[in-house]
Amino acid sequence: HLLTERFGPITVSLALVLKNGELDLIPRRWAFLGIPMPTAFLPQGRSFESAQGGTFTFNVQFKTPITGLIAAYEGTLTKQ
């Protein structure tokens, strides 16, 4: 089972892997405008989520060798 995220015309399917207290998001396949793209150009980047002491932290980055950075965002959510 894969998690799918959409960034405009780009759809990326991610494997969720728990490692060292972080949930890593590992790109497995992608599509542009619904057309499957070659895995050689699969977006890569270090993406993870974690939670500790009521704070949820996320850091997501996707880039390709051809286009460079596609999307990057990070932040925290705190319990109130």
N, C-alpha and C. Protein backbone atom coordinates (compact mmCIF):
# COMPACT_ATOMS: atom_id res chain seq x y z
N HIS A 1 0.84 -1.18 0.00
CA HIS A 1 0.00 0.00 0.00
C HIS A 1 0.88 1.24 0.00
N LEU A 2 0.51 2.23 -0.79
CA LEU A 2 1.28 3.45 -0.91
C LEU A 2 0.40 4.66 -0.62
N LEU A 3 1.02 5.69 -0.06
CA LEU A 3 0.36 6.97 0.14
C LEU A 3 0.58 7.78 -1.13
N THR A 4 -0.47 8.44 -1.62
CA THR A 4 -0.35 9.24 -2.84
C THR A 4 -0.54 10.72 -2.50
N GLU A 5 0.39 11.54 -2.97
CA GLU A 5 0.28 12.99 -2.82
C GLU A 5 0.27 13.62 -4.19
N ARG A 6 -0.49 14.69 -4.32
CA ARG A 6 -0.61 15.37 -5.61
C ARG A 6 -0.10 16.79 -5.47
N PHE A 7 0.75 17.20 -6.43
CA PHE A 7 1.28 18.55 -6.51
C PHE A 7 0.94 19.08 -7.89
N GLY A 8 -0.21 19.72 -8.02
CA GLY A 8 -0.65 20.18 -9.34
C GLY A 8 -0.79 18.99 -10.27
N PRO A 9 -0.09 19.00 -11.42
CA PRO A 9 -0.21 17.91 -12.39
C PRO A 9 0.61 16.66 -12.03
N ILE A 10 1.40 16.74 -10.95
CA ILE A 10 2.29 15.63 -10.58
C ILE A 10 1.69 14.84 -9.42
N THR A 11 1.66 13.51 -9.56
CA THR A 11 1.22 12.61 -8.50
C THR A 11 2.40 11.72 -8.12
N VAL A 12 2.69 11.65 -6.82
CA VAL A 12 3.79 10.84 -6.32
C VAL A 12 3.24 9.82 -5.34
N SER A 13 3.58 8.54 -5.52
CA SER A 13 3.17 7.47 -4.61
C SER A 13 4.35 7.12 -3.71
N LEU A 14 4.09 7.10 -2.39
CA LEU A 14 5.14 6.96 -1.39
C LEU A 14 4.94 5.75 -0.50
N ALA A 15 6.03 5.05 -0.20
CA ALA A 15 6.03 4.00 0.81
C ALA A 15 6.31 4.67 2.15
N LEU A 16 5.63 4.23 3.21
CA LEU A 16 5.84 4.77 4.54
C LEU A 16 6.68 3.77 5.33
N VAL A 17 7.85 4.21 5.81
CA VAL A 17 8.79 3.33 6.49
C VAL A 17 9.16 3.95 7.84
N LEU A 18 8.86 3.23 8.93
CA LEU A 18 9.21 3.70 10.27
C LEU A 18 10.66 3.33 10.57
N LYS A 19 11.49 4.37 10.86
CA LYS A 19 12.91 4.14 11.11
C LYS A 19 13.41 5.16 12.13
N ASN A 20 13.98 4.66 13.22
CA ASN A 20 14.56 5.53 14.26
C ASN A 20 13.58 6.58 14.77
N GLY A 21 12.33 6.20 14.97
CA GLY A 21 11.33 7.12 15.49
C GLY A 21 10.78 8.11 14.49
N GLU A 22 11.18 8.00 13.24
CA GLU A 22 10.68 8.87 12.18
C GLU A 22 9.96 8.04 11.13
N LEU A 23 8.94 8.63 10.57
CA LEU A 23 8.21 7.99 9.49
C LEU A 23 8.76 8.55 8.18
N ASP A 24 9.58 7.77 7.49
CA ASP A 24 10.16 8.20 6.21
C ASP A 24 9.16 7.97 5.09
N LEU A 25 9.13 8.92 4.16
CA LEU A 25 8.27 8.83 2.98
C LEU A 25 9.19 8.57 1.79
N ILE A 26 9.15 7.36 1.23
CA ILE A 26 10.06 6.94 0.18
C ILE A 26 9.31 6.91 -1.16
N PRO A 27 9.69 7.75 -2.13
CA PRO A 27 9.02 7.74 -3.44
C PRO A 27 9.19 6.40 -4.15
N ARG A 28 8.09 5.85 -4.68
CA ARG A 28 8.13 4.57 -5.38
C ARG A 28 7.72 4.67 -6.85
N ARG A 29 6.77 5.58 -7.15
CA ARG A 29 6.37 5.79 -8.55
C ARG A 29 5.75 7.17 -8.66
N TRP A 30 5.61 7.63 -9.91
CA TRP A 30 5.02 8.94 -10.11
C TRP A 30 4.36 9.04 -11.47
N ALA A 31 3.54 10.08 -11.62
CA ALA A 31 2.84 10.32 -12.88
C ALA A 31 2.73 11.82 -13.11
N PHE A 32 2.67 12.19 -14.37
CA PHE A 32 2.45 13.57 -14.77
C PHE A 32 1.19 13.61 -15.61
N LEU A 33 0.21 14.39 -15.17
CA LEU A 33 -1.11 14.45 -15.82
C LEU A 33 -1.72 13.05 -15.96
N GLY A 34 -1.48 12.19 -14.97
CA GLY A 34 -2.04 10.85 -14.98
C GLY A 34 -1.27 9.83 -15.81
N ILE A 35 -0.21 10.28 -16.48
CA ILE A 35 0.60 9.38 -17.31
C ILE A 35 1.80 8.91 -16.49
N PRO A 36 1.95 7.59 -16.30
CA PRO A 36 3.09 7.08 -15.53
C PRO A 36 4.42 7.53 -16.15
N MET A 37 5.34 7.96 -15.30
CA MET A 37 6.64 8.45 -15.74
C MET A 37 7.73 7.42 -15.41
N PRO A 38 8.84 7.44 -16.13
CA PRO A 38 9.93 6.49 -15.88
C PRO A 38 10.51 6.67 -14.47
N THR A 39 10.85 5.56 -13.84
CA THR A 39 11.40 5.63 -12.49
C THR A 39 12.80 6.28 -12.48
N ALA A 40 13.47 6.33 -13.62
CA ALA A 40 14.77 7.00 -13.68
C ALA A 40 14.65 8.48 -13.33
N PHE A 41 13.47 9.05 -13.55
CA PHE A 41 13.23 10.46 -13.26
C PHE A 41 12.33 10.64 -12.04
N LEU A 42 12.19 9.59 -11.25
CA LEU A 42 11.35 9.62 -10.05
C LEU A 42 11.86 10.69 -9.09
N PRO A 43 10.97 11.57 -8.63
CA PRO A 43 11.41 12.58 -7.65
C PRO A 43 11.99 11.91 -6.40
N GLN A 44 13.07 12.49 -5.90
CA GLN A 44 13.73 12.00 -4.70
C GLN A 44 13.82 13.14 -3.68
N GLY A 45 14.35 12.83 -2.52
CA GLY A 45 14.54 13.84 -1.48
C GLY A 45 14.28 13.23 -0.12
N ARG A 46 14.79 13.85 0.89
CA ARG A 46 14.61 13.36 2.26
C ARG A 46 13.30 13.90 2.80
N SER A 47 12.36 13.01 3.07
CA SER A 47 11.06 13.41 3.60
C SER A 47 10.73 12.54 4.80
N PHE A 48 10.31 13.18 5.89
CA PHE A 48 9.99 12.42 7.09
C PHE A 48 9.01 13.18 7.97
N GLU A 49 8.39 12.44 8.88
CA GLU A 49 7.50 12.98 9.89
C GLU A 49 7.86 12.34 11.22
N SER A 50 7.65 13.06 12.32
CA SER A 50 7.88 12.48 13.64
C SER A 50 6.98 13.19 14.65
N ALA A 51 6.80 12.55 15.78
CA ALA A 51 6.00 13.13 16.87
C ALA A 51 6.71 12.85 18.18
N GLN A 52 6.78 13.90 19.02
CA GLN A 52 7.41 13.74 20.33
C GLN A 52 6.87 14.81 21.26
N GLY A 53 6.43 14.38 22.44
CA GLY A 53 5.97 15.32 23.45
C GLY A 53 4.85 16.23 23.00
N GLY A 54 3.92 15.72 22.21
CA GLY A 54 2.80 16.53 21.76
C GLY A 54 3.09 17.42 20.57
N THR A 55 4.27 17.30 19.98
CA THR A 55 4.62 18.09 18.79
C THR A 55 4.83 17.17 17.60
N PHE A 56 4.14 17.47 16.51
CA PHE A 56 4.26 16.73 15.27
C PHE A 56 5.14 17.56 14.33
N THR A 57 6.21 16.97 13.83
CA THR A 57 7.16 17.66 12.94
C THR A 57 7.16 16.98 11.58
N PHE A 58 7.20 17.78 10.52
CA PHE A 58 7.29 17.22 9.17
C PHE A 58 8.28 18.01 8.35
N ASN A 59 8.94 17.31 7.44
CA ASN A 59 9.90 17.90 6.52
C ASN A 59 9.82 17.11 5.23
N VAL A 60 9.41 17.75 4.17
CA VAL A 60 9.17 17.06 2.90
C VAL A 60 9.91 17.81 1.78
N GLN A 61 10.61 17.05 0.94
CA GLN A 61 11.32 17.64 -0.19
C GLN A 61 11.29 16.67 -1.36
N PHE A 62 10.91 17.16 -2.54
CA PHE A 62 10.91 16.38 -3.77
C PHE A 62 11.66 17.15 -4.84
N LYS A 63 12.60 16.48 -5.50
CA LYS A 63 13.33 17.10 -6.60
C LYS A 63 13.67 16.03 -7.62
N THR A 64 13.93 16.47 -8.86
CA THR A 64 14.37 15.55 -9.91
C THR A 64 15.66 16.07 -10.50
N PRO A 65 16.44 15.19 -11.14
CA PRO A 65 17.69 15.64 -11.76
C PRO A 65 17.47 16.66 -12.88
N ILE A 66 16.33 16.57 -13.55
CA ILE A 66 16.07 17.45 -14.69
C ILE A 66 15.50 18.80 -14.27
N THR A 67 14.46 18.79 -13.44
CA THR A 67 13.77 20.03 -13.08
C THR A 67 14.29 20.69 -11.82
N GLY A 68 15.03 19.94 -11.02
CA GLY A 68 15.44 20.47 -9.72
C GLY A 68 14.30 20.35 -8.72
N LEU A 69 14.20 21.30 -7.83
CA LEU A 69 13.21 21.26 -6.76
C LEU A 69 11.79 21.37 -7.29
N ILE A 70 10.93 20.42 -6.89
CA ILE A 70 9.51 20.45 -7.26
C ILE A 70 8.71 21.04 -6.12
N ALA A 71 8.94 20.52 -4.91
CA ALA A 71 8.20 21.00 -3.74
C ALA A 71 9.03 20.77 -2.49
N ALA A 72 8.93 21.69 -1.54
CA ALA A 72 9.59 21.54 -0.26
C ALA A 72 8.77 22.28 0.78
N TYR A 73 8.50 21.63 1.88
CA TYR A 73 7.79 22.28 2.96
C TYR A 73 8.13 21.58 4.28
N GLU A 74 8.10 22.33 5.36
CA GLU A 74 8.38 21.78 6.67
C GLU A 74 7.62 22.58 7.71
N GLY A 75 7.45 21.99 8.87
CA GLY A 75 6.76 22.69 9.92
C GLY A 75 6.49 21.81 11.12
N THR A 76 5.76 22.38 12.07
CA THR A 76 5.38 21.65 13.27
C THR A 76 3.93 21.95 13.60
N LEU A 77 3.31 21.00 14.24
CA LEU A 77 1.97 21.16 14.80
C LEU A 77 2.08 20.82 16.27
N THR A 78 1.51 21.66 17.13
CA THR A 78 1.58 21.39 18.55
C THR A 78 0.20 21.17 19.13
N LYS A 79 0.14 20.32 20.13
CA LYS A 79 -1.11 20.01 20.81
C LYS A 79 -1.45 21.17 21.75
N GLN A 80 -2.71 21.59 21.70
CA GLN A 80 -3.14 22.69 22.58
C GLN A 80 -4.01 22.22 23.69
